[in-house]
Amino acid sequence: MNEKIFYFSGSQKKSDDPNLHSLEKLDSNKIALVLSANTLILMKHWIKFQQEWINNIYKQFKDYDKYILLIYLVSKSWEDDLDLFKFYSIDEYHSKEEIRLPNISLLELSENLKIPKETIRRKLVELEKQSLIRREGQIIFLAQSALNLQKPENSIKNISIFFEKLSILLSAQDWFGPTIKREDVELYFKKYYTIFWNRYFQFQIPFLVRWKTVFGDLESFIIWANMGINQSVILEGNNLELKKEQYIANIISMNDTKANESMHGVNASSIAEISSIPRATVVRKLKKLSKEKIIKRNNKLEYFLTDQGRLNKKIKANYLINQKNIALFVTDIFNLIKKSSLKI
């Protein structure tokens, strides 16, 4: 098995990084402006990718906290204390019989993932009973069954489409250069899998933790998000000339309440089917969100987002934080493709 070693900082910001050329790196602020100006086009592709990835988590693990714990440990296993980075292709990594995970304290896991230590202990026991990890004393090994379960072939295809669409828009800027085909993006993610997918984990884990902090649990967020996706699609279909500002407002539920009440919503059964969350859980979370006044139910028993409730202020603030972090993430990936010595 070929093993290649590079020195990488966690944030890819060290000026002496030998894997980056002397060319000026792309600016996340400039990329953020392009993202903001083209929300109608780009968010469709990002949301499709994001929804598919998150919904698959529940299909496979039936537990968001358990999966976040697992990918946090995997991400840490791709680095060491000296920033010595050993990368593997997707096939190389997932063909391993097992992976030794780093020794990380329950306190670190609890603080970074916002999960109580006792819950983490319980999740580790559950993962072991499912034969997804194996423990020898304090040492934890990621089993082959877990590697097979989370191989992100389809997710890489979907995220590559997003990067291609964004690169087409960015290619109009002199500072960006030529567009990047989705096939090439996919090759980068697969060839330098533990580099590129680790960047994704480093973006995605805080993303989910932030939403969990806002909603109290990830099931509530996923249910709310699927309702928002459904609502934005309906709004766009009803008004093809919908302004960008209105579209964004409806995605994050900051629009006019009367406009919402005139639209169709989505029922509990449909949410359960889309998200793979059990219907009983969906119904329970819908009641919780209704009490927060951020969703309402029409006479057809369909739910829709509203602009009411104190929680919406936190949702809006977190949305803006996430938009900034999406720009940082895509800039990081484009810098690896365009400005580093990594070649396909």
Protein backbone atom coordinates (compact mmCIF):
# COMPACT_ATOMS: atom_id res chain seq x y z
CA MET A 1 0.00 0.00 0.00
CA ASN A 2 1.38 3.36 -0.98
CA GLU A 3 1.72 5.78 1.88
CA LYS A 4 2.63 9.40 1.26
CA ILE A 5 3.60 11.86 3.92
CA PHE A 6 3.09 15.60 3.90
CA TYR A 7 3.28 18.22 6.58
CA PHE A 8 -0.05 19.94 7.01
CA SER A 9 -1.38 22.32 9.61
CA GLY A 10 -4.93 21.73 10.75
CA SER A 11 -6.17 24.96 9.21
CA GLN A 12 -3.87 24.98 6.17
CA LYS A 13 -2.76 28.52 7.02
CA LYS A 14 0.95 28.15 7.72
CA SER A 15 2.94 30.22 5.26
CA ASP A 16 5.81 27.70 5.33
CA ASP A 17 3.64 24.76 4.30
CA PRO A 18 5.82 22.88 1.75
CA ASN A 19 2.75 21.59 -0.08
CA LEU A 20 1.61 25.03 -1.17
CA HIS A 21 3.20 26.89 -4.04
CA SER A 22 4.40 30.44 -3.59
CA LEU A 23 1.36 31.64 -5.56
CA GLU A 24 -1.00 33.82 -3.61
CA LYS A 25 -3.72 31.72 -2.01
CA LEU A 26 -7.38 32.31 -2.73
CA ASP A 27 -9.21 34.71 -0.42
CA SER A 28 -12.26 33.29 1.40
CA ASN A 29 -13.80 36.77 1.63
CA LYS A 30 -13.84 37.10 -2.17
CA ILE A 31 -15.31 33.62 -2.54
CA ALA A 32 -17.92 34.44 0.12
CA LEU A 33 -19.06 37.41 -2.00
CA VAL A 34 -19.56 35.16 -5.03
CA LEU A 35 -21.47 32.65 -2.91
CA SER A 36 -23.68 35.41 -1.55
CA ALA A 37 -24.38 36.83 -5.02
CA ASN A 38 -25.37 33.43 -6.44
CA THR A 39 -27.35 31.83 -3.64
CA LEU A 40 -30.23 30.80 -5.91
CA ILE A 41 -27.95 28.62 -8.04
CA LEU A 42 -25.42 27.34 -5.55
CA MET A 43 -27.55 26.59 -2.52
CA LYS A 44 -29.56 24.06 -4.52
CA HIS A 45 -26.46 21.96 -5.10
CA TRP A 46 -25.09 22.46 -1.59
CA ILE A 47 -28.42 21.64 0.05
CA LYS A 48 -28.86 18.53 -2.09
CA PHE A 49 -25.44 17.27 -1.08
CA GLN A 50 -25.87 18.24 2.59
CA GLN A 51 -29.34 16.71 2.88
CA GLU A 52 -28.23 13.44 1.29
CA TRP A 53 -25.22 13.15 3.61
CA ILE A 54 -27.12 13.94 6.82
CA ASN A 55 -30.11 11.75 5.98
CA ASN A 56 -27.81 8.81 5.25
CA ILE A 57 -26.32 9.13 8.73
CA TYR A 58 -29.62 8.20 10.32
CA LYS A 59 -30.28 5.42 7.83
CA GLN A 60 -26.98 3.80 8.77
CA PHE A 61 -26.45 4.67 12.44
CA LYS A 62 -29.91 5.63 13.78
CA ASP A 63 -28.07 8.05 16.04
CA TYR A 64 -26.46 11.40 15.14
CA ASP A 65 -24.36 11.71 18.32
CA LYS A 66 -22.90 8.27 17.78
CA TYR A 67 -21.83 9.13 14.25
CA ILE A 68 -20.35 12.50 15.20
CA LEU A 69 -18.34 10.77 17.91
CA LEU A 70 -17.09 8.23 15.37
CA ILE A 71 -16.07 10.71 12.68
CA TYR A 72 -14.38 12.93 15.27
CA LEU A 73 -12.18 9.98 16.26
CA VAL A 74 -11.55 9.12 12.61
CA SER A 75 -10.57 12.71 11.84
CA LYS A 76 -8.14 12.70 14.73
CA SER A 77 -6.63 9.43 13.51
CA TRP A 78 -5.66 11.19 10.27
CA GLU A 79 -3.32 13.53 12.13
CA ASP A 80 -0.65 13.25 14.79
CA ASP A 81 0.83 15.63 17.34
CA LEU A 82 3.56 16.79 14.96
CA ASP A 83 1.15 17.57 12.10
CA LEU A 84 2.74 14.70 10.19
CA PHE A 85 0.01 13.79 7.75
CA LYS A 86 -0.13 10.34 6.19
CA PHE A 87 -2.71 10.31 3.43
CA TYR A 88 -4.51 7.43 1.78
CA SER A 89 -6.77 7.19 -1.23
CA ILE A 90 -10.37 6.25 -0.57
CA ASP A 91 -9.80 2.65 -1.70
CA GLU A 92 -6.60 2.30 0.31
CA TYR A 93 -8.18 3.59 3.48
CA HIS A 94 -11.40 1.59 3.27
CA SER A 95 -9.58 -1.63 2.39
CA LYS A 96 -7.85 -1.68 5.80
CA GLU A 97 -8.90 -4.41 8.19
CA GLU A 98 -9.10 -1.97 11.08
CA ILE A 99 -7.82 1.46 12.10
CA ARG A 100 -6.33 2.33 15.46
CA LEU A 101 -8.06 5.43 16.78
CA PRO A 102 -6.22 8.03 18.88
CA ASN A 103 -6.35 8.07 22.67
CA ILE A 104 -8.60 11.02 23.43
CA SER A 105 -10.03 11.85 26.84
CA LEU A 106 -13.74 11.81 27.50
CA LEU A 107 -13.39 15.43 28.60
CA GLU A 108 -12.05 16.51 25.19
CA LEU A 109 -14.81 14.63 23.40
CA SER A 110 -17.45 16.07 25.69
CA GLU A 111 -16.25 19.67 25.33
CA ASN A 112 -15.78 19.57 21.55
CA LEU A 113 -18.92 17.61 20.70
CA LYS A 114 -21.20 19.05 23.41
CA ILE A 115 -22.08 15.53 24.57
CA PRO A 116 -22.06 14.55 28.28
CA LYS A 117 -19.21 12.22 29.26
CA GLU A 118 -21.61 9.52 30.44
CA THR A 119 -23.37 9.63 27.08
CA ILE A 120 -20.04 9.24 25.29
CA ARG A 121 -19.23 6.18 27.42
CA ARG A 122 -22.61 4.70 26.52
CA LYS A 123 -22.18 5.44 22.80
CA LEU A 124 -18.77 3.75 22.77
CA VAL A 125 -20.30 0.65 24.36
CA GLU A 126 -23.06 0.68 21.73
CA LEU A 127 -20.55 1.04 18.90
CA GLU A 128 -18.63 -1.93 20.28
CA LYS A 129 -21.79 -4.05 20.53
CA GLN A 130 -22.53 -3.21 16.91
CA SER A 131 -19.00 -4.42 16.00
CA LEU A 132 -18.14 -0.99 14.60
CA ILE A 133 -15.25 -0.56 17.02
CA ARG A 134 -13.08 -2.95 19.01
CA ARG A 135 -11.49 -2.07 22.33
CA GLU A 136 -8.36 -3.38 23.96
CA GLY A 137 -8.17 -1.64 27.31
CA GLN A 138 -7.96 2.07 26.53
CA ILE A 139 -7.11 1.44 22.86
CA ILE A 140 -9.94 1.69 20.32
CA PHE A 141 -9.87 0.20 16.83
CA LEU A 142 -12.23 1.14 14.01
CA ALA A 143 -13.52 -2.12 12.54
CA GLN A 144 -13.78 -3.05 8.87
CA SER A 145 -17.57 -3.04 9.17
CA ALA A 146 -17.49 0.65 10.15
CA LEU A 147 -15.19 1.47 7.23
CA ASN A 148 -17.57 -0.22 4.80
CA LEU A 149 -20.57 1.51 6.33
CA GLN A 150 -19.31 5.06 5.88
CA LYS A 151 -17.49 4.96 2.54
CA PRO A 152 -18.77 8.23 0.99
CA GLU A 153 -18.76 7.40 -2.73
CA ASN A 154 -22.06 9.11 -3.52
CA SER A 155 -21.37 12.06 -1.21
CA ILE A 156 -18.11 12.77 -3.04
CA LYS A 157 -19.96 12.77 -6.36
CA ASN A 158 -22.54 15.23 -5.05
CA ILE A 159 -20.04 17.58 -3.45
CA SER A 160 -18.00 17.55 -6.68
CA ILE A 161 -21.03 18.89 -8.57
CA PHE A 162 -21.26 21.77 -6.11
CA PHE A 163 -17.56 22.62 -6.53
CA GLU A 164 -17.85 22.51 -10.32
CA LYS A 165 -20.84 24.89 -10.31
CA LEU A 166 -19.04 27.26 -7.97
CA SER A 167 -15.82 27.14 -9.98
CA ILE A 168 -17.75 28.10 -13.15
CA LEU A 169 -18.93 31.27 -11.43
CA LEU A 170 -15.54 31.96 -9.88
CA SER A 171 -13.77 31.54 -13.24
CA ALA A 172 -15.23 34.91 -14.26
CA GLN A 173 -12.85 36.44 -11.72
CA ASP A 174 -9.25 36.99 -12.84
CA TRP A 175 -7.90 35.93 -9.45
CA PHE A 176 -9.48 32.46 -9.63
CA GLY A 177 -8.37 31.11 -12.97
CA PRO A 178 -10.01 28.34 -15.03
CA THR A 179 -12.98 26.29 -13.94
CA ILE A 180 -12.59 22.82 -12.43
CA LYS A 181 -14.56 19.89 -13.78
CA ARG A 182 -16.55 17.77 -11.36
CA GLU A 183 -14.65 14.68 -12.49
CA ASP A 184 -11.37 16.30 -11.45
CA VAL A 185 -12.77 17.39 -8.08
CA GLU A 186 -13.94 13.83 -7.51
CA LEU A 187 -10.48 12.50 -8.38
CA TYR A 188 -8.84 14.85 -5.88
CA PHE A 189 -11.22 13.76 -3.12
CA LYS A 190 -10.65 10.09 -3.89
CA LYS A 191 -6.90 10.17 -4.49
CA TYR A 192 -6.11 12.36 -1.46
CA TYR A 193 -9.07 11.07 0.48
CA THR A 194 -7.80 11.45 4.05
CA ILE A 195 -6.67 14.99 3.33
CA PHE A 196 -9.77 16.24 1.54
CA TRP A 197 -12.36 14.31 3.55
CA ASN A 198 -10.66 15.34 6.77
CA ARG A 199 -11.17 18.97 5.69
CA TYR A 200 -14.83 18.08 5.24
CA PHE A 201 -15.04 16.50 8.70
CA GLN A 202 -13.35 19.56 10.21
CA PHE A 203 -16.08 21.69 8.65
CA GLN A 204 -19.02 19.35 9.21
CA ILE A 205 -18.49 18.40 12.85
CA PRO A 206 -18.65 22.01 14.18
CA PHE A 207 -21.54 22.67 11.77
CA LEU A 208 -23.63 19.90 13.34
CA VAL A 209 -22.53 20.77 16.88
CA ARG A 210 -23.60 24.40 16.39
CA TRP A 211 -27.04 23.37 15.16
CA LYS A 212 -27.38 20.91 18.02
CA THR A 213 -26.62 23.75 20.44
CA VAL A 214 -29.30 25.93 18.85
CA PHE A 215 -32.05 23.27 18.73
CA GLY A 216 -31.08 21.14 21.73
CA ASP A 217 -30.79 17.99 19.60
CA LEU A 218 -29.93 17.19 16.00
CA GLU A 219 -33.20 15.40 15.22
CA SER A 220 -35.08 18.68 15.75
CA PHE A 221 -32.65 20.52 13.49
CA ILE A 222 -32.88 17.90 10.72
CA ILE A 223 -36.68 17.98 10.84
CA TRP A 224 -36.68 21.79 10.73
CA ALA A 225 -34.13 21.81 7.89
CA ASN A 226 -36.13 19.36 5.75
CA MET A 227 -39.20 21.53 6.23
CA GLY A 228 -37.16 24.56 5.16
CA ILE A 229 -35.92 22.81 2.03
CA ASN A 230 -39.47 21.81 1.10
CA GLN A 231 -40.71 25.34 1.75
CA SER A 232 -38.03 27.05 -0.32
CA VAL A 233 -38.72 24.71 -3.28
CA ILE A 234 -42.43 25.53 -3.14
CA LEU A 235 -41.76 29.26 -2.91
CA GLU A 236 -39.42 29.19 -5.88
CA GLY A 237 -41.89 27.19 -7.92
CA ASN A 238 -44.69 29.60 -7.14
CA ASN A 239 -42.65 32.67 -8.04
CA LEU A 240 -39.95 32.23 -10.65
CA GLU A 241 -39.01 35.90 -10.29
CA LEU A 242 -38.45 35.58 -6.56
CA LYS A 243 -35.70 37.95 -5.49
CA LYS A 244 -32.55 36.54 -4.00
CA GLU A 245 -33.19 38.30 -0.68
CA GLN A 246 -36.67 36.80 -0.42
CA TYR A 247 -35.36 33.33 -1.28
CA ILE A 248 -32.68 33.47 1.40
CA ALA A 249 -35.17 34.81 3.92
CA ASN A 250 -37.51 31.90 3.31
CA ILE A 251 -34.73 29.33 3.67
CA ILE A 252 -33.92 30.60 7.16
CA SER A 253 -37.55 31.37 8.05
CA MET A 254 -37.19 35.13 8.37
CA ASN A 255 -39.89 35.98 5.82
CA ASP A 256 -43.37 37.42 6.14
CA THR A 257 -45.61 35.11 8.19
CA LYS A 258 -48.64 35.66 5.94
CA ALA A 259 -46.64 34.47 2.93
CA ASN A 260 -45.83 31.27 4.80
CA GLU A 261 -49.42 30.63 5.82
CA SER A 262 -50.56 30.73 2.18
CA MET A 263 -48.23 27.90 1.22
CA HIS A 264 -48.38 24.15 1.43
CA GLY A 265 -46.29 22.48 4.11
CA VAL A 266 -45.05 18.95 4.71
CA ASN A 267 -46.60 16.31 6.96
CA ALA A 268 -44.96 14.17 9.63
CA SER A 269 -44.97 11.01 7.50
CA SER A 270 -43.15 12.73 4.62
CA ILE A 271 -40.53 14.14 6.98
CA ALA A 272 -39.98 10.69 8.47
CA GLU A 273 -39.61 9.16 4.99
CA ILE A 274 -37.12 11.80 3.83
CA SER A 275 -35.01 11.91 6.98
CA SER A 276 -35.28 8.23 8.02
CA ILE A 277 -36.12 9.43 11.53
CA PRO A 278 -38.95 7.29 13.01
CA ARG A 279 -42.38 8.90 12.63
CA ALA A 280 -43.01 8.80 16.40
CA THR A 281 -39.82 10.77 16.96
CA VAL A 282 -40.75 13.21 14.19
CA VAL A 283 -44.16 13.84 15.76
CA ARG A 284 -42.59 14.41 19.18
CA LYS A 285 -40.04 16.88 17.78
CA LEU A 286 -42.71 18.69 15.75
CA LYS A 287 -44.63 19.31 18.98
CA LYS A 288 -41.45 20.69 20.54
CA LEU A 289 -40.80 23.02 17.59
CA SER A 290 -44.44 24.12 17.61
CA LYS A 291 -44.11 25.12 21.26
CA GLU A 292 -41.13 27.24 20.25
CA LYS A 293 -43.47 28.91 17.71
CA ILE A 294 -40.95 28.50 14.87
CA ILE A 295 -43.29 26.17 12.97
CA LYS A 296 -47.06 26.00 12.48
CA ARG A 297 -49.54 23.43 11.20
CA ASN A 298 -52.24 24.13 8.63
CA ASN A 299 -55.65 22.47 8.38
CA LYS A 300 -54.17 19.73 6.19
CA LEU A 301 -51.86 18.71 9.08
CA GLU A 302 -48.88 20.03 7.10
CA TYR A 303 -46.13 21.90 8.89
CA PHE A 304 -44.35 25.03 7.70
CA LEU A 305 -41.75 27.43 9.07
CA THR A 306 -42.64 30.80 10.53
CA ASP A 307 -40.71 33.91 11.50
CA GLN A 308 -42.05 33.78 15.06
CA GLY A 309 -40.43 32.67 18.30
CA ARG A 310 -37.24 33.71 20.08
CA LEU A 311 -35.39 30.68 18.70
CA ASN A 312 -35.49 32.18 15.21
CA LYS A 313 -33.00 34.85 16.29
CA LYS A 314 -30.50 32.12 17.17
CA ILE A 315 -31.27 30.31 13.92
CA LYS A 316 -30.59 33.41 11.85
CA ALA A 317 -27.34 34.16 13.69
CA ASN A 318 -26.15 30.58 13.25
CA TYR A 319 -27.08 30.59 9.56
CA LEU A 320 -24.76 33.55 8.99
CA ILE A 321 -21.94 31.82 10.88
CA ASN A 322 -22.41 28.72 8.74
CA GLN A 323 -22.35 30.73 5.51
CA LYS A 324 -18.96 32.11 6.53
CA ASN A 325 -17.67 28.63 7.33
CA ILE A 326 -18.90 27.25 4.00
CA ALA A 327 -16.80 29.95 2.30
CA LEU A 328 -13.77 28.99 4.41
CA PHE A 329 -14.25 25.31 3.60
CA VAL A 330 -14.58 25.73 -0.17
CA THR A 331 -11.63 28.15 -0.21
CA ASP A 332 -9.54 25.53 1.60
CA ILE A 333 -10.47 22.89 -0.98
CA PHE A 334 -9.82 25.18 -3.96
CA ASN A 335 -6.43 26.11 -2.49
CA LEU A 336 -5.51 22.43 -2.24
CA ILE A 337 -6.55 21.86 -5.85
CA LYS A 338 -5.17 25.05 -7.39
CA LYS A 339 -2.35 26.19 -5.11
CA SER A 340 -0.79 23.07 -3.62
CA SER A 341 1.56 20.43 -5.00
CA LEU A 342 -1.17 17.78 -4.89
CA LYS A 343 -1.80 16.59 -8.44
CA ILE A 344 -4.17 14.08 -9.98
